[in-house]
Amino acid sequence: MPGPRNASLPGAAALTAVVLALAGCGAAEPPAGRDGTSAGPDVTAQPTTVAPTAGGATDAPVPETLAFTGRTIDGGAFSGSSLAGKPAVLWFWAAWCSRCRGVADEVAAVQRENAGRVNVVGVAGLGSGDAAMRRFAEETGIEGFPHLADDGGQVWRRFKVTSQEQYVLLDSAGTVVHSGPLSQADLRKRVAGLN
């Protein structure tokens, strides 16, 4: 029996060397998030709180789904935590998308009808480019609510959105209650039912 045991030692040593080499290469890489992208700042599942806003809103717990930041199409900073405590609609669009252009009026109407009760945020991306994003917002009249410039796709990946003209609906606890396309009638109905 010493023969087979000795024969496996070189194989085990080689396997150990490969594992150690791979582990050393991976150490320089940032840890991967659940969606396969680099994990950003450490985000815990425990809710945190946000300071009251200038409008006097009370502190609201910030769920993990809203623990992200971005840049608006006009260059401002945006924090997902600003959506905490109210239902939210994330509308994923691209500046070159004719379907997105076709529903822009309806999305703006949904935002106006639910202002103060539901947060609506556009998330532009898929190679739109900053100038095209701003032009799309101006031409379609959707400037009444914030739009993220997400050409890098960080927010798209976070919510597992893979194509434009899709919606992610979150309840006031930050739980995703819908992700995908919606007809405009279904959008109105679902937004009316958000709590």
Protein backbone atom coordinates (compact mmCIF):
# COMPACT_ATOMS: atom_id res chain seq x y z
CA MET A 1 0.00 0.00 0.00
CA PRO A 2 2.89 2.48 0.38
CA GLY A 3 3.11 2.70 -3.43
CA PRO A 4 -0.34 4.25 -4.07
CA ARG A 5 -0.05 6.57 -1.08
CA ASN A 6 3.30 7.88 -2.36
CA ALA A 7 1.85 8.24 -5.87
CA SER A 8 -0.88 10.55 -4.60
CA LEU A 9 1.49 12.81 -2.68
CA PRO A 10 2.86 14.54 -5.78
CA GLY A 11 -0.72 15.05 -7.01
CA ALA A 12 -1.80 16.46 -3.66
CA ALA A 13 1.24 18.73 -3.51
CA ALA A 14 0.53 19.98 -7.03
CA LEU A 15 -3.11 20.62 -6.19
CA THR A 16 -2.12 22.50 -3.02
CA ALA A 17 0.34 24.62 -5.00
CA VAL A 18 -2.35 25.49 -7.57
CA VAL A 19 -4.86 26.41 -4.85
CA LEU A 20 -2.32 28.60 -3.08
CA ALA A 21 -1.32 30.30 -6.33
CA LEU A 22 -4.92 31.03 -7.22
CA ALA A 23 -5.64 32.32 -3.75
CA GLY A 24 -2.68 34.67 -4.02
CA CYS A 25 -3.90 36.05 -7.37
CA GLY A 26 -7.40 36.61 -6.03
CA ALA A 27 -6.20 38.51 -3.00
CA ALA A 28 -5.51 41.62 -5.07
CA GLU A 29 -9.06 41.65 -6.49
CA PRO A 30 -11.92 43.30 -4.62
CA PRO A 31 -14.48 40.86 -3.26
CA ALA A 32 -17.38 40.14 -5.59
CA GLY A 33 -20.89 41.21 -4.68
CA ARG A 34 -23.96 39.00 -5.02
CA ASP A 35 -24.41 40.13 -8.62
CA GLY A 36 -20.82 39.29 -9.59
CA THR A 37 -19.68 42.92 -9.59
CA SER A 38 -17.09 44.28 -7.23
CA ALA A 39 -18.54 44.76 -3.82
CA GLY A 40 -18.50 48.41 -2.92
CA PRO A 41 -18.47 49.71 0.60
CA ASP A 42 -19.44 47.21 3.24
CA VAL A 43 -23.24 47.13 3.23
CA THR A 44 -24.96 45.31 6.04
CA ALA A 45 -28.46 43.99 6.13
CA GLN A 46 -29.12 46.04 9.26
CA PRO A 47 -31.04 49.23 8.48
CA THR A 48 -29.39 52.54 9.24
CA THR A 49 -31.10 55.89 9.58
CA VAL A 50 -30.99 59.08 7.59
CA ALA A 51 -30.96 62.55 9.11
CA PRO A 52 -34.14 64.58 8.71
CA THR A 53 -34.42 66.46 5.44
CA ALA A 54 -34.89 70.19 5.04
CA GLY A 55 -38.60 69.48 4.48
CA GLY A 56 -38.85 68.10 8.03
CA ALA A 57 -39.17 64.42 7.15
CA THR A 58 -38.45 62.09 10.03
CA ASP A 59 -35.58 59.62 10.17
CA ALA A 60 -36.37 56.52 8.16
CA PRO A 61 -34.61 53.16 8.16
CA VAL A 62 -32.45 52.61 5.08
CA PRO A 63 -32.75 49.05 3.77
CA GLU A 64 -29.87 47.37 1.95
CA THR A 65 -31.68 47.77 -1.40
CA LEU A 66 -31.34 51.56 -1.07
CA ALA A 67 -27.71 51.60 0.09
CA PHE A 68 -26.28 52.97 -3.16
CA THR A 69 -25.10 56.28 -4.55
CA GLY A 70 -24.97 57.73 -8.03
CA ARG A 71 -24.77 60.88 -10.10
CA THR A 72 -27.73 62.64 -11.65
CA ILE A 73 -27.82 63.59 -15.32
CA ASP A 74 -27.16 67.20 -14.34
CA GLY A 75 -24.04 66.21 -12.36
CA GLY A 76 -25.49 66.25 -8.84
CA ALA A 77 -24.92 63.61 -6.19
CA PHE A 78 -27.69 61.10 -5.46
CA SER A 79 -28.11 58.72 -2.56
CA GLY A 80 -30.54 55.80 -2.63
CA SER A 81 -31.06 56.42 1.08
CA SER A 82 -33.06 59.53 0.13
CA LEU A 83 -35.80 57.14 -1.04
CA ALA A 84 -36.17 55.48 2.38
CA GLY A 85 -39.55 55.53 4.08
CA LYS A 86 -41.68 55.90 0.94
CA PRO A 87 -42.51 53.59 -1.93
CA ALA A 88 -40.31 54.13 -4.99
CA VAL A 89 -40.43 53.59 -8.72
CA LEU A 90 -37.14 53.19 -10.57
CA TRP A 91 -37.66 53.65 -14.31
CA PHE A 92 -34.76 52.25 -16.36
CA TRP A 93 -34.39 53.99 -19.72
CA ALA A 94 -31.92 54.74 -22.50
CA ALA A 95 -31.71 58.00 -24.44
CA TRP A 96 -31.79 56.23 -27.80
CA CYS A 97 -34.80 54.04 -26.90
CA SER A 98 -37.93 54.96 -28.88
CA ARG A 99 -40.11 52.91 -26.50
CA CYS A 100 -38.71 54.93 -23.55
CA ARG A 101 -39.47 58.16 -25.40
CA GLY A 102 -43.01 56.91 -26.05
CA VAL A 103 -43.80 56.34 -22.35
CA ALA A 104 -41.98 59.35 -20.90
CA ASP A 105 -45.15 61.49 -20.69
CA GLU A 106 -46.98 58.73 -18.85
CA VAL A 107 -44.13 58.17 -16.37
CA ALA A 108 -44.02 61.94 -15.72
CA ALA A 109 -47.80 61.92 -15.15
CA VAL A 110 -47.49 59.03 -12.68
CA GLN A 111 -44.81 61.01 -10.84
CA ARG A 112 -46.96 64.17 -10.68
CA GLU A 113 -50.05 62.24 -9.52
CA ASN A 114 -48.10 60.54 -6.72
CA ALA A 115 -45.74 63.37 -5.70
CA GLY A 116 -45.17 63.38 -1.96
CA ARG A 117 -46.35 59.77 -1.62
CA VAL A 118 -44.09 57.85 -4.02
CA ASN A 119 -40.52 58.61 -5.11
CA VAL A 120 -39.96 58.28 -8.86
CA VAL A 121 -36.39 58.11 -10.18
CA GLY A 122 -35.25 57.58 -13.75
CA VAL A 123 -32.12 55.51 -14.26
CA ALA A 124 -30.56 56.25 -17.66
CA GLY A 125 -27.88 54.06 -19.13
CA LEU A 126 -26.92 51.56 -21.82
CA GLY A 127 -24.52 53.83 -23.66
CA SER A 128 -26.72 56.90 -23.55
CA GLY A 129 -23.98 59.43 -22.75
CA ASP A 130 -24.44 62.50 -20.55
CA ALA A 131 -25.41 64.99 -23.29
CA ALA A 132 -27.95 62.58 -24.81
CA MET A 133 -29.44 61.86 -21.38
CA ARG A 134 -29.94 65.56 -20.66
CA ARG A 135 -31.38 66.17 -24.14
CA PHE A 136 -33.82 63.23 -23.73
CA ALA A 137 -35.02 64.64 -20.37
CA GLU A 138 -35.51 68.13 -21.83
CA GLU A 139 -37.28 66.94 -24.99
CA THR A 140 -39.63 64.56 -23.17
CA GLY A 141 -40.47 66.85 -20.24
CA ILE A 142 -39.33 64.44 -17.52
CA GLU A 143 -37.23 66.98 -15.67
CA GLY A 144 -39.66 67.09 -12.72
CA PHE A 145 -37.98 64.15 -10.98
CA PRO A 146 -34.37 62.95 -10.61
CA HIS A 147 -32.61 60.84 -13.24
CA LEU A 148 -29.39 58.97 -12.63
CA ALA A 149 -26.62 58.92 -15.23
CA ASP A 150 -25.76 55.23 -14.96
CA ASP A 151 -23.89 54.44 -18.19
CA GLY A 152 -21.51 52.28 -16.12
CA GLY A 153 -24.52 50.14 -15.15
CA GLN A 154 -23.93 49.95 -11.39
CA VAL A 155 -27.58 50.61 -10.48
CA TRP A 156 -28.80 48.47 -13.39
CA ARG A 157 -26.74 45.52 -12.09
CA ARG A 158 -27.76 46.17 -8.48
CA PHE A 159 -31.41 45.69 -9.45
CA LYS A 160 -30.66 42.99 -12.08
CA VAL A 161 -32.13 45.02 -14.95
CA THR A 162 -30.80 43.97 -18.34
CA SER A 163 -32.79 46.03 -20.83
CA GLN A 164 -34.36 49.45 -21.06
CA GLU A 165 -37.90 50.55 -20.42
CA GLN A 166 -38.27 48.47 -17.31
CA TYR A 167 -39.46 49.29 -13.83
CA VAL A 168 -38.42 48.31 -10.34
CA LEU A 169 -41.11 49.05 -7.76
CA LEU A 170 -40.21 49.10 -4.08
CA ASP A 171 -42.54 49.36 -1.12
CA SER A 172 -41.88 51.77 1.76
CA ALA A 173 -39.71 49.13 3.48
CA GLY A 174 -37.44 48.99 0.41
CA THR A 175 -38.61 45.54 -0.69
CA VAL A 176 -38.73 44.98 -4.44
CA VAL A 177 -42.36 44.16 -5.28
CA HIS A 178 -41.99 44.24 -9.07
CA SER A 179 -39.11 44.13 -11.54
CA GLY A 180 -39.66 44.11 -15.28
CA PRO A 181 -41.70 45.73 -18.01
CA LEU A 182 -45.17 47.17 -17.35
CA SER A 183 -47.88 48.57 -19.56
CA GLN A 184 -48.78 52.11 -18.62
CA ALA A 185 -52.13 50.98 -17.22
CA ASP A 186 -50.37 48.38 -15.06
CA LEU A 187 -47.81 50.97 -13.92
CA ARG A 188 -50.58 53.31 -12.73
CA LYS A 189 -52.42 50.45 -10.99
CA ARG A 190 -49.32 49.09 -9.25
CA VAL A 191 -48.09 52.54 -8.18
CA ALA A 192 -51.56 53.30 -6.73
CA GLY A 193 -51.27 50.11 -4.66
CA LEU A 194 -47.77 50.79 -3.31
CA ASN A 195 -47.51 51.36 0.43
